[in-house]
């Protein structure tokens, strides 16, 4: 897991947000992964993986927004 970093400017926040969403939603074809689900256990693993990915996105964005607000004060 990557360490969180401080955002120095709004453009950097935009690039970071785009990178996160591309990494988790564009490059990963969830339909293809869902087709490979053949048991309850594999569907659980897929759900946990999606949940972990969304948690990472939320944490990264929260840190970025909080850091940006803090720098403006």
PDB file of N, CA and C in Angstrom:
ATOM      1  N   UNK A   1       0.846  -1.179   0.000  1.00  0.00           N
ATOM      2  CA  UNK A   1       0.000   0.000   0.000  1.00  0.00           C
ATOM      3  C   UNK A   1       0.888   1.237   0.000  1.00  0.00           C
ATOM      4  N   UNK A   2       0.573   2.182  -0.844  1.00  0.00           N
ATOM      5  CA  UNK A   2       1.386   3.383  -0.935  1.00  0.00           C
ATOM      6  C   UNK A   2       1.130   4.297   0.245  1.00  0.00           C
ATOM      7  N   UNK A   3       2.160   5.042   0.611  1.00  0.00           N
ATOM      8  CA  UNK A   3       2.000   6.027   1.680  1.00  0.00           C
ATOM      9  C   UNK A   3       1.240   7.229   1.131  1.00  0.00           C
ATOM     10  N   UNK A   4       0.500   7.867   1.998  1.00  0.00           N
ATOM     11  CA  UNK A   4      -0.225   9.061   1.588  1.00  0.00           C
ATOM     12  C   UNK A   4       0.765  10.201   1.401  1.00  0.00           C
ATOM     13  N   UNK A   5       0.465  11.098   0.512  1.00  0.00           N
ATOM     14  CA  UNK A   5       1.347  12.228   0.264  1.00  0.00           C
ATOM     15  C   UNK A   5       0.549  13.515   0.347  1.00  0.00           C
ATOM     16  N   UNK A   6       1.269  14.595   0.558  1.00  0.00           N
ATOM     17  CA  UNK A   6       0.605  15.897   0.642  1.00  0.00           C
ATOM     18  C   UNK A   6       0.378  16.443  -0.763  1.00  0.00           C
ATOM     19  N   UNK A   7      -0.674  17.191  -0.910  1.00  0.00           N
ATOM     20  CA  UNK A   7      -1.015  17.802  -2.192  1.00  0.00           C
ATOM     21  C   UNK A   7      -0.509  19.230  -2.177  1.00  0.00           C
ATOM     22  N   UNK A   8       0.279  19.579  -3.192  1.00  0.00           N
ATOM     23  CA  UNK A   8       0.860  20.910  -3.200  1.00  0.00           C
ATOM     24  C   UNK A   8       0.027  21.916  -3.989  1.00  0.00           C
ATOM     25  N   UNK A   9      -0.809  21.431  -4.877  1.00  0.00           N
ATOM     26  CA  UNK A   9      -1.629  22.336  -5.680  1.00  0.00           C
ATOM     27  C   UNK A   9      -2.851  21.591  -6.208  1.00  0.00           C
ATOM     28  N   UNK A  10      -3.896  22.337  -6.600  1.00  0.00           N
ATOM     29  CA  UNK A  10      -5.118  21.698  -7.093  1.00  0.00           C
ATOM     30  C   UNK A  10      -4.883  20.789  -8.301  1.00  0.00           C
ATOM     31  N   UNK A  11      -3.966  21.155  -9.193  1.00  0.00           N
ATOM     32  CA  UNK A  11      -3.702  20.323 -10.371  1.00  0.00           C
ATOM     33  C   UNK A  11      -3.185  18.952  -9.958  1.00  0.00           C
ATOM     34  N   UNK A  12      -2.357  18.924  -8.934  1.00  0.00           N
ATOM     35  CA  UNK A  12      -1.836  17.642  -8.454  1.00  0.00           C
ATOM     36  C   UNK A  12      -2.967  16.792  -7.890  1.00  0.00           C
ATOM     37  N   UNK A  13      -3.910  17.423  -7.197  1.00  0.00           N
ATOM     38  CA  UNK A  13      -5.066  16.698  -6.673  1.00  0.00           C
ATOM     39  C   UNK A  13      -5.869  16.095  -7.816  1.00  0.00           C
ATOM     40  N   UNK A  14      -6.059  16.855  -8.885  1.00  0.00           N
ATOM     41  CA  UNK A  14      -6.804  16.357 -10.039  1.00  0.00           C
ATOM     42  C   UNK A  14      -6.129  15.167 -10.690  1.00  0.00           C
ATOM     43  N   UNK A  15      -4.816  15.256 -10.849  1.00  0.00           N
ATOM     44  CA  UNK A  15      -4.074  14.131 -11.431  1.00  0.00           C
ATOM     45  C   UNK A  15      -4.153  12.907 -10.534  1.00  0.00           C
ATOM     46  N   UNK A  16      -4.025  13.111  -9.239  1.00  0.00           N
ATOM     47  CA  UNK A  16      -4.049  11.995  -8.288  1.00  0.00           C
ATOM     48  C   UNK A  16      -5.420  11.317  -8.294  1.00  0.00           C
ATOM     49  N   UNK A  17      -6.483  12.138  -8.297  1.00  0.00           N
ATOM     50  CA  UNK A  17      -7.838  11.592  -8.314  1.00  0.00           C
ATOM     51  C   UNK A  17      -8.060  10.768  -9.583  1.00  0.00           C
ATOM     52  N   UNK A  18      -7.611  11.292 -10.711  1.00  0.00           N
ATOM     53  CA  UNK A  18      -7.768  10.580 -11.978  1.00  0.00           C
ATOM     54  C   UNK A  18      -6.998   9.260 -11.949  1.00  0.00           C
ATOM     55  N   UNK A  19      -5.784   9.286 -11.409  1.00  0.00           N
ATOM     56  CA  UNK A  19      -4.977   8.069 -11.324  1.00  0.00           C
ATOM     57  C   UNK A  19      -5.683   7.006 -10.483  1.00  0.00           C
ATOM     58  N   UNK A  20      -6.244   7.409  -9.362  1.00  0.00           N
ATOM     59  CA  UNK A  20      -6.922   6.465  -8.473  1.00  0.00           C
ATOM     60  C   UNK A  20      -8.116   5.838  -9.179  1.00  0.00           C
ATOM     61  N   UNK A  21      -8.960   6.665  -9.793  1.00  0.00           N
ATOM     62  CA  UNK A  21     -10.150   6.124 -10.452  1.00  0.00           C
ATOM     63  C   UNK A  21      -9.793   5.256 -11.652  1.00  0.00           C
ATOM     64  N   UNK A  22      -8.790   5.658 -12.420  1.00  0.00           N
ATOM     65  CA  UNK A  22      -8.383   4.822 -13.547  1.00  0.00           C
ATOM     66  C   UNK A  22      -7.852   3.485 -13.059  1.00  0.00           C
ATOM     67  N   UNK A  23      -7.089   3.530 -11.993  1.00  0.00           N
ATOM     68  CA  UNK A  23      -6.493   2.299 -11.481  1.00  0.00           C
ATOM     69  C   UNK A  23      -7.558   1.310 -11.041  1.00  0.00           C
ATOM     70  N   UNK A  24      -8.580   1.786 -10.382  1.00  0.00           N
ATOM     71  CA  UNK A  24      -9.551   0.858  -9.814  1.00  0.00           C
ATOM     72  C   UNK A  24     -10.778   0.599 -10.665  1.00  0.00           C
ATOM     73  N   UNK A  25     -11.122   1.501 -11.551  1.00  0.00           N
ATOM     74  CA  UNK A  25     -12.362   1.307 -12.311  1.00  0.00           C
ATOM     75  C   UNK A  25     -12.146   1.111 -13.809  1.00  0.00           C
ATOM     76  N   UNK A  26     -11.154   1.738 -14.377  1.00  0.00           N
ATOM     77  CA  UNK A  26     -10.970   1.638 -15.822  1.00  0.00           C
ATOM     78  C   UNK A  26     -10.130   0.425 -16.197  1.00  0.00           C
ATOM     79  N   UNK A  27      -9.023   0.228 -15.507  1.00  0.00           N
ATOM     80  CA  UNK A  27      -8.118  -0.860 -15.857  1.00  0.00           C
ATOM     81  C   UNK A  27      -8.619  -2.221 -15.407  1.00  0.00           C
ATOM     82  N   UNK A  28      -9.535  -2.247 -14.470  1.00  0.00           N
ATOM     83  CA  UNK A  28     -10.048  -3.504 -13.944  1.00  0.00           C
ATOM     84  C   UNK A  28     -11.457  -3.718 -14.475  1.00  0.00           C
ATOM     85  N   UNK A  29     -11.641  -4.760 -15.240  1.00  0.00           N
ATOM     86  CA  UNK A  29     -12.944  -5.059 -15.817  1.00  0.00           C
ATOM     87  C   UNK A  29     -13.710  -5.949 -14.842  1.00  0.00           C
ATOM     88  N   UNK A  30     -14.608  -5.330 -14.083  1.00  0.00           N
ATOM     89  CA  UNK A  30     -15.338  -6.080 -13.062  1.00  0.00           C
ATOM     90  C   UNK A  30     -16.265  -7.135 -13.661  1.00  0.00           C
ATOM     91  N   UNK A  31     -16.751  -6.892 -14.859  1.00  0.00           N
ATOM     92  CA  UNK A  31     -17.594  -7.905 -15.498  1.00  0.00           C
ATOM     93  C   UNK A  31     -16.817  -9.189 -15.746  1.00  0.00           C
ATOM     94  N   UNK A  32     -15.594  -9.029 -16.215  1.00  0.00           N
ATOM     95  CA  UNK A  32     -14.762 -10.201 -16.472  1.00  0.00           C
ATOM     96  C   UNK A  32     -14.459 -10.939 -15.169  1.00  0.00           C
ATOM     97  N   UNK A  33     -14.192 -10.179 -14.115  1.00  0.00           N
ATOM     98  CA  UNK A  33     -13.923 -10.804 -12.821  1.00  0.00           C
ATOM     99  C   UNK A  33     -15.172 -11.505 -12.295  1.00  0.00           C
ATOM    100  N   UNK A  34     -16.331 -10.882 -12.485  1.00  0.00           N
ATOM    101  CA  UNK A  34     -17.574 -11.472 -11.988  1.00  0.00           C
ATOM    102  C   UNK A  34     -17.905 -12.772 -12.724  1.00  0.00           C
ATOM    103  N   UNK A  35     -17.523 -12.870 -13.990  1.00  0.00           N
ATOM    104  CA  UNK A  35     -17.769 -14.101 -14.745  1.00  0.00           C
ATOM    105  C   UNK A  35     -16.949 -15.269 -14.206  1.00  0.00           C
ATOM    106  N   UNK A  36     -15.824 -14.960 -13.562  1.00  0.00           N
ATOM    107  CA  UNK A  36     -14.973 -16.011 -13.006  1.00  0.00           C
ATOM    108  C   UNK A  36     -15.459 -16.495 -11.644  1.00  0.00           C
ATOM    109  N   UNK A  37     -16.457 -15.800 -11.098  1.00  0.00           N
ATOM    110  CA  UNK A  37     -16.993 -16.201  -9.799  1.00  0.00           C
ATOM    111  C   UNK A  37     -17.791 -17.485  -9.985  1.00  0.00           C
ATOM    112  N   UNK A  38     -17.334 -18.528  -9.329  1.00  0.00           N
ATOM    113  CA  UNK A  38     -18.008 -19.813  -9.491  1.00  0.00           C
ATOM    114  C   UNK A  38     -18.452 -20.421  -8.166  1.00  0.00           C
ATOM    115  N   UNK A  39     -18.218 -19.694  -7.093  1.00  0.00           N
ATOM    116  CA  UNK A  39     -18.637 -20.210  -5.788  1.00  0.00           C
ATOM    117  C   UNK A  39     -18.916 -19.047  -4.845  1.00  0.00           C
ATOM    118  N   UNK A  40     -19.521 -19.359  -3.739  1.00  0.00           N
ATOM    119  CA  UNK A  40     -19.806 -18.326  -2.738  1.00  0.00           C
ATOM    120  C   UNK A  40     -18.509 -17.739  -2.205  1.00  0.00           C
ATOM    121  N   UNK A  41     -17.509 -18.577  -2.003  1.00  0.00           N
ATOM    122  CA  UNK A  41     -16.225 -18.103  -1.473  1.00  0.00           C
ATOM    123  C   UNK A  41     -15.541 -17.134  -2.436  1.00  0.00           C
ATOM    124  N   UNK A  42     -15.547 -17.437  -3.722  1.00  0.00           N
ATOM    125  CA  UNK A  42     -14.920 -16.526  -4.681  1.00  0.00           C
ATOM    126  C   UNK A  42     -15.721 -15.232  -4.817  1.00  0.00           C
ATOM    127  N   UNK A  43     -17.039 -15.288  -4.668  1.00  0.00           N
ATOM    128  CA  UNK A  43     -17.822 -14.047  -4.710  1.00  0.00           C
ATOM    129  C   UNK A  43     -17.543 -13.201  -3.471  1.00  0.00           C
ATOM    130  N   UNK A  44     -17.328 -13.851  -2.333  1.00  0.00           N
ATOM    131  CA  UNK A  44     -16.957 -13.111  -1.124  1.00  0.00           C
ATOM    132  C   UNK A  44     -15.612 -12.418  -1.298  1.00  0.00           C
ATOM    133  N   UNK A  45     -14.659 -13.143  -1.872  1.00  0.00           N
ATOM    134  CA  UNK A  45     -13.334 -12.547  -2.097  1.00  0.00           C
ATOM    135  C   UNK A  45     -13.442 -11.342  -3.016  1.00  0.00           C
ATOM    136  N   UNK A  46     -14.255 -11.442  -4.067  1.00  0.00           N
ATOM    137  CA  UNK A  46     -14.446 -10.324  -4.987  1.00  0.00           C
ATOM    138  C   UNK A  46     -15.086  -9.140  -4.272  1.00  0.00           C
ATOM    139  N   UNK A  47     -16.093  -9.393  -3.454  1.00  0.00           N
ATOM    140  CA  UNK A  47     -16.745  -8.300  -2.715  1.00  0.00           C
ATOM    141  C   UNK A  47     -15.772  -7.630  -1.751  1.00  0.00           C
ATOM    142  N   UNK A  48     -14.969  -8.420  -1.046  1.00  0.00           N
ATOM    143  CA  UNK A  48     -13.980  -7.839  -0.129  1.00  0.00           C
ATOM    144  C   UNK A  48     -12.935  -7.031  -0.885  1.00  0.00           C
ATOM    145  N   UNK A  49     -12.531  -7.513  -2.047  1.00  0.00           N
ATOM    146  CA  UNK A  49     -11.545  -6.804  -2.848  1.00  0.00           C
ATOM    147  C   UNK A  49     -12.098  -5.448  -3.307  1.00  0.00           C
ATOM    148  N   UNK A  50     -13.353  -5.446  -3.766  1.00  0.00           N
ATOM    149  CA  UNK A  50     -13.984  -4.189  -4.189  1.00  0.00           C
ATOM    150  C   UNK A  50     -14.109  -3.242  -3.004  1.00  0.00           C
ATOM    151  N   UNK A  51     -14.510  -3.757  -1.857  1.00  0.00           N
ATOM    152  CA  UNK A  51     -14.645  -2.935  -0.660  1.00  0.00           C
ATOM    153  C   UNK A  51     -13.298  -2.334  -0.260  1.00  0.00           C
ATOM    154  N   UNK A  52     -12.239  -3.117  -0.288  1.00  0.00           N
ATOM    155  CA  UNK A  52     -10.905  -2.603   0.042  1.00  0.00           C
ATOM    156  C   UNK A  52     -10.476  -1.523  -0.935  1.00  0.00           C
ATOM    157  N   UNK A  53     -10.766  -1.714  -2.218  1.00  0.00           N
ATOM    158  CA  UNK A  53     -10.417  -0.721  -3.232  1.00  0.00           C
ATOM    159  C   UNK A  53     -11.151   0.591  -2.987  1.00  0.00           C
ATOM    160  N   UNK A  54     -12.446   0.505  -2.695  1.00  0.00           N
ATOM    161  CA  UNK A  54     -13.221   1.717  -2.431  1.00  0.00           C
ATOM    162  C   UNK A  54     -12.751   2.409  -1.159  1.00  0.00           C
ATOM    163  N   UNK A  55     -12.380   1.645  -0.142  1.00  0.00           N
ATOM    164  CA  UNK A  55     -11.845   2.241   1.085  1.00  0.00           C
ATOM    165  C   UNK A  55     -10.549   2.986   0.811  1.00  0.00           C
ATOM    166  N   UNK A  56      -9.685   2.420  -0.018  1.00  0.00           N
ATOM    167  CA  UNK A  56      -8.433   3.085  -0.364  1.00  0.00           C
ATOM    168  C   UNK A  56      -8.704   4.394  -1.095  1.00  0.00           C
ATOM    169  N   UNK A  57      -9.629   4.366  -2.050  1.00  0.00           N
ATOM    170  CA  UNK A  57      -9.980   5.585  -2.781  1.00  0.00           C
ATOM    171  C   UNK A  57     -10.495   6.642  -1.816  1.00  0.00           C
ATOM    172  N   UNK A  58     -11.388   6.261  -0.913  1.00  0.00           N
ATOM    173  CA  UNK A  58     -11.953   7.199   0.049  1.00  0.00           C
ATOM    174  C   UNK A  58     -10.856   7.810   0.917  1.00  0.00           C
ATOM    175  N   UNK A  59      -9.950   6.987   1.427  1.00  0.00           N
ATOM    176  CA  UNK A  59      -8.880   7.492   2.291  1.00  0.00           C
ATOM    177  C   UNK A  59      -7.960   8.439   1.541  1.00  0.00           C
ATOM    178  N   UNK A  60      -7.578   8.079   0.315  1.00  0.00           N
ATOM    179  CA  UNK A  60      -6.701   8.932  -0.491  1.00  0.00           C
ATOM    180  C   UNK A  60      -7.358  10.284  -0.766  1.00  0.00           C
ATOM    181  N   UNK A  61      -8.638  10.265  -1.126  1.00  0.00           N
ATOM    182  CA  UNK A  61      -9.326  11.515  -1.427  1.00  0.00           C
ATOM    183  C   UNK A  61      -9.528  12.341  -0.168  1.00  0.00           C
ATOM    184  N   UNK A  62      -9.843  11.707   0.953  1.00  0.00           N
ATOM    185  CA  UNK A  62     -10.028  12.421   2.211  1.00  0.00           C
ATOM    186  C   UNK A  62      -8.740  13.110   2.632  1.00  0.00           C
ATOM    187  N   UNK A  63      -7.619  12.422   2.525  1.00  0.00           N
ATOM    188  CA  UNK A  63      -6.329  13.010   2.877  1.00  0.00           C
ATOM    189  C   UNK A  63      -6.015  14.171   1.941  1.00  0.00           C
ATOM    190  N   UNK A  64      -6.263  14.008   0.647  1.00  0.00           N
ATOM    191  CA  UNK A  64      -5.987  15.063  -0.324  1.00  0.00           C
ATOM    192  C   UNK A  64      -6.826  16.304  -0.062  1.00  0.00           C
ATOM    193  N   UNK A  65      -8.114  16.121   0.171  1.00  0.00           N
ATOM    194  CA  UNK A  65      -9.009  17.257   0.416  1.00  0.00           C
ATOM    195  C   UNK A  65      -8.655  17.937   1.730  1.00  0.00           C
ATOM    196  N   UNK A  66      -8.421  17.155   2.777  1.00  0.00           N
ATOM    197  CA  UNK A  66      -8.078  17.724   4.083  1.00  0.00           C
ATOM    198  C   UNK A  66      -6.782  18.508   4.002  1.00  0.00           C
ATOM    199  N   UNK A  67      -5.785  17.978   3.322  1.00  0.00           N
ATOM    200  CA  UNK A  67      -4.506  18.668   3.175  1.00  0.00           C
ATOM    201  C   UNK A  67      -4.691  19.963   2.398  1.00  0.00           C
ATOM    202  N   UNK A  68      -5.498  19.927   1.342  1.00  0.00           N
ATOM    203  CA  UNK A  68      -5.751  21.132   0.553  1.00  0.00           C
ATOM    204  C   UNK A  68      -6.456  22.206   1.356  1.00  0.00           C
ATOM    205  N   UNK A  69      -7.430  21.830   2.167  1.00  0.00           N
ATOM    206  CA  UNK A  69      -8.143  22.795   3.012  1.00  0.00           C
ATOM    207  C   UNK A  69      -7.200  23.356   4.065  1.00  0.00           C
ATOM    208  N   UNK A  70      -6.385  22.487   4.660  1.00  0.00           N
ATOM    209  CA  UNK A  70      -5.454  22.912   5.707  1.00  0.00           C
ATOM    210  C   UNK A  70      -4.469  23.939   5.165  1.00  0.00           C
ATOM    211  N   UNK A  71      -3.974  23.762   3.946  1.00  0.00           N
ATOM    212  CA  UNK A  71      -3.011  24.695   3.358  1.00  0.00           C
ATOM    213  C   UNK A  71      -3.644  26.050   3.066  1.00  0.00           C
ATOM    214  N   UNK A  72      -4.952  26.086   2.805  1.00  0.00           N
ATOM    215  CA  UNK A  72      -5.618  27.354   2.504  1.00  0.00           C
ATOM    216  C   UNK A  72      -5.851  28.191   3.751  1.00  0.00           C
ATOM    217  N   UNK A  73      -5.863  27.572   4.927  1.00  0.00           N
ATOM    218  CA  UNK A  73      -6.126  28.294   6.181  1.00  0.00           C
ATOM    219  C   UNK A  73      -4.900  29.028   6.671  1.00  0.00           C
TER     220      UNK A  73
END
